[in-house]
PDB file of N, CA and C in Angstrom:
ATOM      1  N   MET A   1     -16.437  -6.362  26.188  1.00  0.00           N
ATOM      2  CA  MET A   1     -16.601  -7.622  25.748  1.00  0.00           C
ATOM      3  C   MET A   1     -17.305  -7.224  23.799  1.00  0.00           C
ATOM      4  N   ALA A   2     -16.524  -7.735  23.496  1.00  0.00           N
ATOM      5  CA  ALA A   2     -16.744  -7.197  21.859  1.00  0.00           C
ATOM      6  C   ALA A   2     -17.842  -7.865  21.380  1.00  0.00           C
ATOM      7  N   THR A   3     -18.032  -7.224  19.691  1.00  0.00           N
ATOM      8  CA  THR A   3     -19.831  -7.599  20.123  1.00  0.00           C
ATOM      9  C   THR A   3     -19.331  -8.632  18.729  1.00  0.00           C
ATOM     10  N   SER A   4     -20.302  -9.043  18.459  1.00  0.00           N
ATOM     11  CA  SER A   4     -20.096  -9.959  16.655  1.00  0.00           C
ATOM     12  C   SER A   4     -19.432  -9.062  15.541  1.00  0.00           C
ATOM     13  N   ARG A   5     -19.920  -8.420  15.312  1.00  0.00           N
ATOM     14  CA  ARG A   5     -19.548  -7.262  13.944  1.00  0.00           C
ATOM     15  C   ARG A   5     -18.483  -6.943  14.535  1.00  0.00           C
ATOM     16  N   GLU A   6     -18.153  -6.962  15.418  1.00  0.00           N
ATOM     17  CA  GLU A   6     -16.593  -6.313  16.281  1.00  0.00           C
ATOM     18  C   GLU A   6     -15.315  -7.837  15.969  1.00  0.00           C
ATOM     19  N   LEU A   7     -16.036  -8.600  16.198  1.00  0.00           N
ATOM     20  CA  LEU A   7     -14.830 -10.122  15.690  1.00  0.00           C
ATOM     21  C   LEU A   7     -14.890  -9.979  14.228  1.00  0.00           C
ATOM     22  N   LEU A   8     -16.182 -10.048  14.006  1.00  0.00           N
ATOM     23  CA  LEU A   8     -16.253 -10.070  11.889  1.00  0.00           C
ATOM     24  C   LEU A   8     -15.117  -9.214  11.677  1.00  0.00           C
ATOM     25  N   LEU A   9     -15.301  -8.982  12.154  1.00  0.00           N
ATOM     26  CA  LEU A   9     -14.266  -7.012  11.491  1.00  0.00           C
ATOM     27  C   LEU A   9     -12.487  -7.284  11.494  1.00  0.00           C
ATOM     28  N   SER A  10     -12.256  -7.426  13.033  1.00  0.00           N
ATOM     29  CA  SER A  10     -11.256  -7.409  12.948  1.00  0.00           C
ATOM     30  C   SER A  10     -10.222  -8.761  13.602  1.00  0.00           C
ATOM     31  N   GLN A  11      -9.831  -9.540  12.613  1.00  0.00           N
ATOM     32  CA  GLN A  11      -8.806 -11.040  12.970  1.00  0.00           C
ATOM     33  C   GLN A  11      -7.560 -10.705  12.895  1.00  0.00           C
ATOM     34  N   SER A  12      -6.540 -11.694  13.719  1.00  0.00           N
ATOM     35  CA  SER A  12      -4.985 -11.728  13.729  1.00  0.00           C
ATOM     36  C   SER A  12      -5.046 -12.971  13.791  1.00  0.00           C
ATOM     37  N   THR A  13      -3.214 -13.786  13.027  1.00  0.00           N
ATOM     38  CA  THR A  13      -3.312 -14.896  14.179  1.00  0.00           C
ATOM     39  C   THR A  13      -1.514 -14.728  13.770  1.00  0.00           C
ATOM     40  N   MET A  14      -0.641 -15.840  13.826  1.00  0.00           N
ATOM     41  CA  MET A  14       0.335 -15.537  14.243  1.00  0.00           C
ATOM     42  C   MET A  14       1.276 -15.957  13.476  1.00  0.00           C
ATOM     43  N   VAL A  15       2.776 -14.992  12.187  1.00  0.00           N
ATOM     44  CA  VAL A  15       3.268 -15.564  11.306  1.00  0.00           C
ATOM     45  C   VAL A  15       4.827 -15.292  11.848  1.00  0.00           C
ATOM     46  N   GLU A  16       5.519 -15.343  10.217  1.00  0.00           N
ATOM     47  CA  GLU A  16       7.893 -15.606  10.730  1.00  0.00           C
ATOM     48  C   GLU A  16       7.279 -13.987   9.888  1.00  0.00           C
ATOM     49  N   VAL A  17       7.566 -13.292  10.320  1.00  0.00           N
ATOM     50  CA  VAL A  17       7.971 -11.981   9.773  1.00  0.00           C
ATOM     51  C   VAL A  17       9.861 -11.650   9.324  1.00  0.00           C
ATOM     52  N   SER A  18       9.709 -12.219   7.866  1.00  0.00           N
ATOM     53  CA  SER A  18      11.806 -12.041   7.984  1.00  0.00           C
ATOM     54  C   SER A  18      12.218 -10.962   6.581  1.00  0.00           C
ATOM     55  N   GLY A  19      13.106 -10.060   6.932  1.00  0.00           N
ATOM     56  CA  GLY A  19      13.763  -9.329   6.096  1.00  0.00           C
ATOM     57  C   GLY A  19      14.756  -8.600   6.421  1.00  0.00           C
ATOM     58  N   TRP A  20      15.477  -7.258   5.574  1.00  0.00           N
ATOM     59  CA  TRP A  20      16.377  -6.975   6.330  1.00  0.00           C
ATOM     60  C   TRP A  20      15.184  -5.126   6.297  1.00  0.00           C
ATOM     61  N   ASP A  21      16.301  -4.659   8.360  1.00  0.00           N
ATOM     62  CA  ASP A  21      16.242  -3.522   9.351  1.00  0.00           C
ATOM     63  C   ASP A  21      16.975  -2.827   8.239  1.00  0.00           C
ATOM     64  N   GLU A  22      16.673  -1.167   8.968  1.00  0.00           N
ATOM     65  CA  GLU A  22      17.015  -0.541   8.704  1.00  0.00           C
ATOM     66  C   GLU A  22      18.491  -0.082   8.673  1.00  0.00           C
ATOM     67  N   ASN A  23      18.978  -1.170   8.960  1.00  0.00           N
ATOM     68  CA  ASN A  23      20.380  -0.756   9.063  1.00  0.00           C
ATOM     69  C   ASN A  23      20.903  -2.018   8.513  1.00  0.00           C
ATOM     70  N   GLN A  24      20.482  -2.816   7.067  1.00  0.00           N
ATOM     71  CA  GLN A  24      20.243  -3.559   6.199  1.00  0.00           C
ATOM     72  C   GLN A  24      21.080  -5.280   7.251  1.00  0.00           C
ATOM     73  N   ILE A  25      20.488  -5.846   8.113  1.00  0.00           N
ATOM     74  CA  ILE A  25      20.484  -6.817   8.866  1.00  0.00           C
ATOM     75  C   ILE A  25      19.684  -7.539   9.159  1.00  0.00           C
ATOM     76  N   PHE A  26      19.708  -8.804   8.020  1.00  0.00           N
ATOM     77  CA  PHE A  26      18.617  -9.221   8.082  1.00  0.00           C
ATOM     78  C   PHE A  26      18.253  -9.832   9.922  1.00  0.00           C
ATOM     79  N   PHE A  27      16.461 -10.001   9.485  1.00  0.00           N
ATOM     80  CA  PHE A  27      16.377 -11.354  10.063  1.00  0.00           C
ATOM     81  C   PHE A  27      14.997 -11.508  10.009  1.00  0.00           C
ATOM     82  N   VAL A  28      14.158 -11.937  11.327  1.00  0.00           N
ATOM     83  CA  VAL A  28      13.295 -13.254  11.154  1.00  0.00           C
ATOM     84  C   VAL A  28      12.606 -12.907  12.728  1.00  0.00           C
ATOM     85  N   GLU A  29      11.315 -12.681  12.824  1.00  0.00           N
ATOM     86  CA  GLU A  29      10.546 -12.695  13.962  1.00  0.00           C
ATOM     87  C   GLU A  29       9.231 -13.519  13.989  1.00  0.00           C
ATOM     88  N   ARG A  30       8.658 -13.549  15.222  1.00  0.00           N
ATOM     89  CA  ARG A  30       7.370 -14.670  15.467  1.00  0.00           C
ATOM     90  C   ARG A  30       6.558 -12.662  15.845  1.00  0.00           C
ATOM     91  N   THR A  31       5.213 -12.391  14.824  1.00  0.00           N
ATOM     92  CA  THR A  31       4.583 -11.940  15.688  1.00  0.00           C
ATOM     93  C   THR A  31       2.668 -11.380  14.934  1.00  0.00           C
ATOM     94  N   ASP A  32       2.165 -11.458  15.297  1.00  0.00           N
ATOM     95  CA  ASP A  32       0.877 -11.406  14.717  1.00  0.00           C
ATOM     96  C   ASP A  32       0.202 -10.222  14.067  1.00  0.00           C
ATOM     97  N   LEU A  33      -0.138 -11.021  12.909  1.00  0.00           N
ATOM     98  CA  LEU A  33       0.063 -10.136  11.969  1.00  0.00           C
ATOM     99  C   LEU A  33      -1.598  -9.952  12.309  1.00  0.00           C
ATOM    100  N   ALA A  34      -2.498  -8.719  12.414  1.00  0.00           N
ATOM    101  CA  ALA A  34      -4.092  -7.870  12.742  1.00  0.00           C
ATOM    102  C   ALA A  34      -4.615  -7.326  11.350  1.00  0.00           C
ATOM    103  N   TRP A  35      -6.008  -7.558  10.735  1.00  0.00           N
ATOM    104  CA  TRP A  35      -6.007  -7.561   9.702  1.00  0.00           C
ATOM    105  C   TRP A  35      -7.426  -6.812  10.124  1.00  0.00           C
ATOM    106  N   ASP A  36      -8.413  -6.188   9.919  1.00  0.00           N
ATOM    107  CA  ASP A  36      -9.975  -5.360   9.531  1.00  0.00           C
ATOM    108  C   ASP A  36     -10.189  -5.054   8.241  1.00  0.00           C
ATOM    109  N   GLU A  37     -11.469  -4.951   7.797  1.00  0.00           N
ATOM    110  CA  GLU A  37     -11.691  -4.377   6.762  1.00  0.00           C
ATOM    111  C   GLU A  37     -11.494  -2.390   6.861  1.00  0.00           C
ATOM    112  N   PHE A  38     -11.489  -2.087   7.898  1.00  0.00           N
ATOM    113  CA  PHE A  38     -10.893  -0.376   8.179  1.00  0.00           C
ATOM    114  C   PHE A  38      -9.372  -0.426   7.714  1.00  0.00           C
ATOM    115  N   ALA A  39      -8.790  -0.234   8.348  1.00  0.00           N
ATOM    116  CA  ALA A  39      -7.402  -0.488   8.584  1.00  0.00           C
ATOM    117  C   ALA A  39      -6.319  -1.042   7.213  1.00  0.00           C
ATOM    118  N   GLY A  40      -6.446  -2.379   6.757  1.00  0.00           N
ATOM    119  CA  GLY A  40      -6.330  -3.126   6.529  1.00  0.00           C
ATOM    120  C   GLY A  40      -4.820  -3.905   7.237  1.00  0.00           C
ATOM    121  N   LYS A  41      -4.045  -5.203   6.743  1.00  0.00           N
ATOM    122  CA  LYS A  41      -2.995  -5.557   6.663  1.00  0.00           C
ATOM    123  C   LYS A  41      -2.012  -4.673   7.803  1.00  0.00           C
ATOM    124  N   HIS A  42      -1.617  -5.370   9.220  1.00  0.00           N
ATOM    125  CA  HIS A  42      -0.518  -4.710  10.024  1.00  0.00           C
ATOM    126  C   HIS A  42      -0.742  -5.403  10.944  1.00  0.00           C
ATOM    127  N   ILE A  43       1.175  -5.309  11.405  1.00  0.00           N
ATOM    128  CA  ILE A  43       1.810  -5.081  12.043  1.00  0.00           C
ATOM    129  C   ILE A  43       2.952  -4.914  12.927  1.00  0.00           C
ATOM    130  N   THR A  44       3.307  -5.115  14.635  1.00  0.00           N
ATOM    131  CA  THR A  44       4.366  -4.488  15.367  1.00  0.00           C
ATOM    132  C   THR A  44       5.346  -5.372  15.094  1.00  0.00           C
ATOM    133  N   LEU A  45       6.156  -4.775  15.461  1.00  0.00           N
ATOM    134  CA  LEU A  45       8.235  -5.497  15.273  1.00  0.00           C
ATOM    135  C   LEU A  45       9.229  -5.175  15.960  1.00  0.00           C
ATOM    136  N   THR A  46       9.852  -5.645  16.334  1.00  0.00           N
ATOM    137  CA  THR A  46      10.782  -5.170  16.781  1.00  0.00           C
ATOM    138  C   THR A  46      11.703  -4.829  16.504  1.00  0.00           C
ATOM    139  N   HIS A  47      12.167  -5.010  14.804  1.00  0.00           N
ATOM    140  CA  HIS A  47      13.178  -3.995  13.933  1.00  0.00           C
ATOM    141  C   HIS A  47      12.295  -2.915  13.309  1.00  0.00           C
ATOM    142  N   MET A  48      13.101  -2.008  13.455  1.00  0.00           N
ATOM    143  CA  MET A  48      12.173  -0.932  12.384  1.00  0.00           C
ATOM    144  C   MET A  48      12.579  -1.579  10.635  1.00  0.00           C
ATOM    145  N   LEU A  49      12.345  -0.506  10.299  1.00  0.00           N
ATOM    146  CA  LEU A  49      12.575  -1.083   8.806  1.00  0.00           C
ATOM    147  C   LEU A  49      12.579   0.404   7.782  1.00  0.00           C
ATOM    148  N   GLY A  50      12.992   0.223   6.949  1.00  0.00           N
ATOM    149  CA  GLY A  50      13.710   0.945   5.847  1.00  0.00           C
ATOM    150  C   GLY A  50      12.102   1.980   5.208  1.00  0.00           C
ATOM    151  N   GLU A  51      12.262   3.015   4.642  1.00  0.00           N
ATOM    152  CA  GLU A  51      10.839   3.034   3.547  1.00  0.00           C
ATOM    153  C   GLU A  51      11.416   2.434   2.772  1.00  0.00           C
ATOM    154  N   GLY A  52      10.088   1.751   2.540  1.00  0.00           N
ATOM    155  CA  GLY A  52       9.580   1.392   1.363  1.00  0.00           C
ATOM    156  C   GLY A  52      10.161  -0.402   0.723  1.00  0.00           C
ATOM    157  N   SER A  53      10.525  -0.828   2.507  1.00  0.00           N
ATOM    158  CA  SER A  53      11.206  -1.553   2.679  1.00  0.00           C
ATOM    159  C   SER A  53       9.788  -3.325   2.259  1.00  0.00           C
ATOM    160  N   ILE A  54      10.237  -4.746   1.902  1.00  0.00           N
ATOM    161  CA  ILE A  54       9.584  -5.435   0.774  1.00  0.00           C
ATOM    162  C   ILE A  54      10.370  -5.929   2.238  1.00  0.00           C
ATOM    163  N   ILE A  55       9.134  -7.021   3.441  1.00  0.00           N
ATOM    164  CA  ILE A  55       9.690  -8.407   4.135  1.00  0.00           C
ATOM    165  C   ILE A  55       7.951  -9.251   3.156  1.00  0.00           C
ATOM    166  N   PHE A  56       9.509 -10.314   3.961  1.00  0.00           N
ATOM    167  CA  PHE A  56       8.140 -12.109   3.898  1.00  0.00           C
ATOM    168  C   PHE A  56       7.161 -12.185   4.760  1.00  0.00           C
ATOM    169  N   VAL A  57       6.144 -12.349   4.759  1.00  0.00           N
ATOM    170  CA  VAL A  57       4.744 -13.111   5.530  1.00  0.00           C
ATOM    171  C   VAL A  57       5.331 -14.439   5.954  1.00  0.00           C
ATOM    172  N   ARG A  58       5.291 -15.746   6.002  1.00  0.00           N
ATOM    173  CA  ARG A  58       4.810 -17.242   6.209  1.00  0.00           C
ATOM    174  C   ARG A  58       3.956 -16.367   8.073  1.00  0.00           C
ATOM    175  N   PRO A  59       2.428 -17.253   7.414  1.00  0.00           N
ATOM    176  CA  PRO A  59       1.400 -18.407   8.211  1.00  0.00           C
ATOM    177  C   PRO A  59       2.603 -19.096   9.206  1.00  0.00           C
ATOM    178  N   ILE A  60       2.396 -19.270  10.577  1.00  0.00           N
ATOM    179  CA  ILE A  60       2.592 -20.217  11.557  1.00  0.00           C
ATOM    180  C   ILE A  60       1.694 -21.157  11.575  1.00  0.00           C
ATOM    181  N   GLN A  61       0.898 -22.223  11.552  1.00  0.00           N
ATOM    182  CA  GLN A  61       0.799 -22.975  11.705  1.00  0.00           C
ATOM    183  C   GLN A  61       0.410 -24.218  12.576  1.00  0.00           C
ATOM    184  N   THR A  62       0.010 -24.438  13.470  1.00  0.00           N
ATOM    185  CA  THR A  62       0.448 -25.233  14.718  1.00  0.00           C
ATOM    186  C   THR A  62      -0.111 -26.372  14.378  1.00  0.00           C
ATOM    187  N   THR A  63      -0.172 -27.077  13.028  1.00  0.00           N
ATOM    188  CA  THR A  63      -0.882 -28.384  12.991  1.00  0.00           C
ATOM    189  C   THR A  63      -0.304 -28.755  11.560  1.00  0.00           C
ATOM    190  N   GLY A  64       0.466 -29.687  11.069  1.00  0.00           N
ATOM    191  CA  GLY A  64       0.344 -29.925   9.850  1.00  0.00           C
ATOM    192  C   GLY A  64       1.767 -30.194   9.793  1.00  0.00           C
ATOM    193  N   TYR A  65       2.589 -30.858   8.086  1.00  0.00           N
ATOM    194  CA  TYR A  65       3.791 -31.240   8.030  1.00  0.00           C
ATOM    195  C   TYR A  65       3.595 -29.857   7.486  1.00  0.00           C
ATOM    196  N   HIS A  66       2.908 -29.301   6.367  1.00  0.00           N
ATOM    197  CA  HIS A  66       3.452 -28.336   5.593  1.00  0.00           C
ATOM    198  C   HIS A  66       3.690 -26.751   5.704  1.00  0.00           C
ATOM    199  N   ARG A  67       4.860 -26.243   5.231  1.00  0.00           N
ATOM    200  CA  ARG A  67       4.493 -25.449   5.559  1.00  0.00           C
ATOM    201  C   ARG A  67       4.104 -24.322   4.945  1.00  0.00           C
ATOM    202  N   PRO A  68       3.974 -23.100   5.219  1.00  0.00           N
ATOM    203  CA  PRO A  68       3.787 -22.373   3.588  1.00  0.00           C
ATOM    204  C   PRO A  68       4.808 -21.441   3.183  1.00  0.00           C
ATOM    205  N   ASN A  69       4.412 -21.031   1.837  1.00  0.00           N
ATOM    206  CA  ASN A  69       4.938 -20.000   1.901  1.00  0.00           C
ATOM    207  C   ASN A  69       5.167 -18.159   2.079  1.00  0.00           C
ATOM    208  N   PRO A  70       6.485 -17.817   1.888  1.00  0.00           N
ATOM    209  CA  PRO A  70       6.360 -16.666   2.351  1.00  0.00           C
ATOM    210  C   PRO A  70       5.106 -15.887   1.274  1.00  0.00           C
ATOM    211  N   ILE A  71       4.942 -14.891   2.037  1.00  0.00           N
ATOM    212  CA  ILE A  71       4.411 -13.718   0.903  1.00  0.00           C
ATOM    213  C   ILE A  71       4.678 -12.477   0.549  1.00  0.00           C
ATOM    214  N   PRO A  72       5.481 -12.134  -0.274  1.00  0.00           N
ATOM    215  CA  PRO A  72       6.113 -10.342   0.339  1.00  0.00           C
ATOM    216  C   PRO A  72       4.532  -9.805   0.301  1.00  0.00           C
ATOM    217  N   TYR A  73       5.321  -8.855   1.119  1.00  0.00           N
ATOM    218  CA  TYR A  73       4.344  -7.989   1.793  1.00  0.00           C
ATOM    219  C   TYR A  73       5.185  -6.423   1.419  1.00  0.00           C
ATOM    220  N   GLU A  74       5.224  -5.209   0.595  1.00  0.00           N
ATOM    221  CA  GLU A  74       5.046  -3.414   1.106  1.00  0.00           C
ATOM    222  C   GLU A  74       5.534  -3.514   2.817  1.00  0.00           C
ATOM    223  N   ALA A  75       6.477  -2.730   3.695  1.00  0.00           N
ATOM    224  CA  ALA A  75       5.833  -2.217   5.120  1.00  0.00           C
ATOM    225  C   ALA A  75       5.521  -0.454   4.913  1.00  0.00           C
ATOM    226  N   GLU A  76       4.692  -0.502   5.350  1.00  0.00           N
ATOM    227  CA  GLU A  76       4.184   1.194   5.127  1.00  0.00           C
ATOM    228  C   GLU A  76       4.440   1.485   6.834  1.00  0.00           C
ATOM    229  N   PHE A  77       5.574   2.640   7.585  1.00  0.00           N
ATOM    230  CA  PHE A  77       5.530   2.724   9.165  1.00  0.00           C
ATOM    231  C   PHE A  77       4.133   3.574   9.035  1.00  0.00           C
ATOM    232  N   VAL A  78       3.360   2.948  10.467  1.00  0.00           N
ATOM    233  CA  VAL A  78       2.566   4.289  11.014  1.00  0.00           C
ATOM    234  C   VAL A  78       2.368   4.674  12.436  1.00  0.00           C
ATOM    235  N   GLY A  79       3.957   4.674  12.994  1.00  0.00           N
ATOM    236  CA  GLY A  79       3.435   4.544  14.502  1.00  0.00           C
ATOM    237  C   GLY A  79       4.048   3.938  14.782  1.00  0.00           C
ATOM    238  N   CYS A  80       4.280   4.152  16.842  1.00  0.00           N
ATOM    239  CA  CYS A  80       4.728   3.460  17.458  1.00  0.00           C
ATOM    240  C   CYS A  80       3.990   2.779  18.751  1.00  0.00           C
ATOM    241  N   THR A  81       3.782   1.733  18.712  1.00  0.00           N
ATOM    242  CA  THR A  81       2.620   1.400  20.204  1.00  0.00           C
ATOM    243  C   THR A  81       3.715   1.890  21.269  1.00  0.00           C
ATOM    244  N   PRO A  82       3.297   2.072  22.436  1.00  0.00           N
ATOM    245  CA  PRO A  82       3.023   3.265  24.039  1.00  0.00           C
ATOM    246  C   PRO A  82       4.694   2.463  24.491  1.00  0.00           C
ATOM    247  N   GLU A  83       4.927   0.691  24.758  1.00  0.00           N
ATOM    248  CA  GLU A  83       6.891   0.798  24.413  1.00  0.00           C
ATOM    249  C   GLU A  83       7.860   0.661  23.376  1.00  0.00           C
ATOM    250  N   GLY A  84       7.193   1.072  22.340  1.00  0.00           N
ATOM    251  CA  GLY A  84       7.763   2.259  21.209  1.00  0.00           C
ATOM    252  C   GLY A  84       8.305   0.546  20.528  1.00  0.00           C
ATOM    253  N   HIS A  85       7.326   0.025  20.028  1.00  0.00           N
ATOM    254  CA  HIS A  85       7.471  -0.824  18.965  1.00  0.00           C
ATOM    255  C   HIS A  85       7.126  -0.345  17.578  1.00  0.00           C
ATOM    256  N   PRO A  86       7.756  -0.534  16.353  1.00  0.00           N
ATOM    257  CA  PRO A  86       7.372   0.151  15.388  1.00  0.00           C
ATOM    258  C   PRO A  86       6.351  -0.789  14.716  1.00  0.00           C
ATOM    259  N   GLN A  87       5.322  -0.140  14.530  1.00  0.00           N
ATOM    260  CA  GLN A  87       4.150  -0.777  13.512  1.00  0.00           C
ATOM    261  C   GLN A  87       3.834  -0.538  11.991  1.00  0.00           C
ATOM    262  N   PHE A  88       3.817  -1.275  11.476  1.00  0.00           N
ATOM    263  CA  PHE A  88       3.649  -1.421  10.167  1.00  0.00           C
ATOM    264  C   PHE A  88       1.914  -0.967   9.389  1.00  0.00           C
ATOM    265  N   ARG A  89       1.550  -1.084   8.455  1.00  0.00           N
ATOM    266  CA  ARG A  89       0.751  -1.263   7.465  1.00  0.00           C
ATOM    267  C   ARG A  89       1.269  -2.801   6.273  1.00  0.00           C
ATOM    268  N   LEU A  90       0.481  -3.359   6.153  1.00  0.00           N
ATOM    269  CA  LEU A  90       1.116  -4.400   5.262  1.00  0.00           C
ATOM    270  C   LEU A  90      -0.014  -4.076   3.421  1.00  0.00           C
ATOM    271  N   THR A  91       0.920  -4.312   2.019  1.00  0.00           N
ATOM    272  CA  THR A  91       0.181  -3.960   1.257  1.00  0.00           C
ATOM    273  C   THR A  91       1.043  -5.193   0.033  1.00  0.00           C
ATOM    274  N   GLY A  92       0.021  -6.177  -0.654  1.00  0.00           N
ATOM    275  CA  GLY A  92       0.965  -6.761  -1.741  1.00  0.00           C
ATOM    276  C   GLY A  92       1.532  -6.320  -2.334  1.00  0.00           C
ATOM    277  N   VAL A  93       2.081  -7.079  -3.232  1.00  0.00           N
ATOM    278  CA  VAL A  93       3.531  -6.793  -3.932  1.00  0.00           C
ATOM    279  C   VAL A  93       3.532  -7.740  -4.569  1.00  0.00           C
ATOM    280  N   GLN A  94       3.274  -7.364  -6.313  1.00  0.00           N
ATOM    281  CA  GLN A  94       3.232  -8.529  -7.554  1.00  0.00           C
ATOM    282  C   GLN A  94       4.599  -8.483  -7.947  1.00  0.00           C
ATOM    283  N   PRO A  95       4.587  -9.375  -8.231  1.00  0.00           N
ATOM    284  CA  PRO A  95       5.890  -9.985  -9.266  1.00  0.00           C
ATOM    285  C   PRO A  95       6.245  -9.223 -10.634  1.00  0.00           C
ATOM    286  N   ARG A  96       7.728  -8.644 -10.758  1.00  0.00           N
ATOM    287  CA  ARG A  96       7.858  -7.707 -11.722  1.00  0.00           C
ATOM    288  C   ARG A  96       8.019  -8.324 -12.510  1.00  0.00           C
ATOM    289  N   ASN A  97       7.991  -8.000 -14.056  1.00  0.00           N
ATOM    290  CA  ASN A  97       8.974  -8.886 -14.748  1.00  0.00           C
ATOM    291  C   ASN A  97       9.613  -7.934 -15.042  1.00  0.00           C
ATOM    292  N   CYS A  98      11.004  -8.116 -15.318  1.00  0.00           N
ATOM    293  CA  CYS A  98      11.941  -7.533 -16.285  1.00  0.00           C
ATOM    294  C   CYS A  98      12.146  -8.464 -17.541  1.00  0.00           C
ATOM    295  N   LEU A  99      11.528  -7.082 -18.023  1.00  0.00           N
ATOM    296  CA  LEU A  99      12.521  -7.129 -19.541  1.00  0.00           C
ATOM    297  C   LEU A  99      13.675  -6.738 -20.074  1.00  0.00           C
ATOM    298  N   ARG A 100      14.374  -6.917 -20.342  1.00  0.00           N
ATOM    299  CA  ARG A 100      15.897  -7.381 -20.878  1.00  0.00           C
ATOM    300  C   ARG A 100      15.877  -6.341 -22.298  1.00  0.00           C
ATOM    301  N   LYS A 101      16.257  -5.393 -22.737  1.00  0.00           N
ATOM    302  CA  LYS A 101      17.124  -4.709 -23.863  1.00  0.00           C
ATOM    303  C   LYS A 101      17.322  -5.411 -24.239  1.00  0.00           C
ATOM    304  N   GLU A 102      18.094  -6.035 -25.249  1.00  0.00           N
ATOM    305  CA  GLU A 102      19.254  -6.139 -25.886  1.00  0.00           C
ATOM    306  C   GLU A 102      19.385  -5.091 -27.577  1.00  0.00           C
ATOM    307  N   ALA A 103      20.903  -5.137 -26.914  1.00  0.00           N
ATOM    308  CA  ALA A 103      21.016  -3.993 -27.426  1.00  0.00           C
ATOM    309  C   ALA A 103      21.487  -4.238 -29.454  1.00  0.00           C
ATOM    310  N   ILE A 104      20.092  -3.265 -30.190  1.00  0.00           N
ATOM    311  CA  ILE A 104      20.644  -3.675 -31.607  1.00  0.00           C
ATOM    312  C   ILE A 104      21.423  -3.087 -32.467  1.00  0.00           C
ATOM    313  N   HIS A 105      22.855  -4.354 -32.705  1.00  0.00           N
ATOM    314  CA  HIS A 105      23.579  -3.566 -33.841  1.00  0.00           C
ATOM    315  C   HIS A 105      22.669  -4.092 -35.687  1.00  0.00           C
TER     316      HIS A 105
END
């Protein structure tokens, strides 16, 4: 049985993950997003992702009509489950401002 400290340190929730896999094929799948203070956020997928892939994670709420917006994360491959499913650590990404330089004549 987990202690109350272990329960506070580790949590999970069901999410919908979407993005492009290592073969550049778009996918959407449901999985658990787990997080703890030591390993951060991590997921297990059935799709392998390319290095530095950006995926979108949307919490699945069981009640209500509001669908939360997906949140972008960079996925880092960390290993596979005993069943062979790839596992990833998620790191939040910040929007990038694209500054366009105009040629000055």
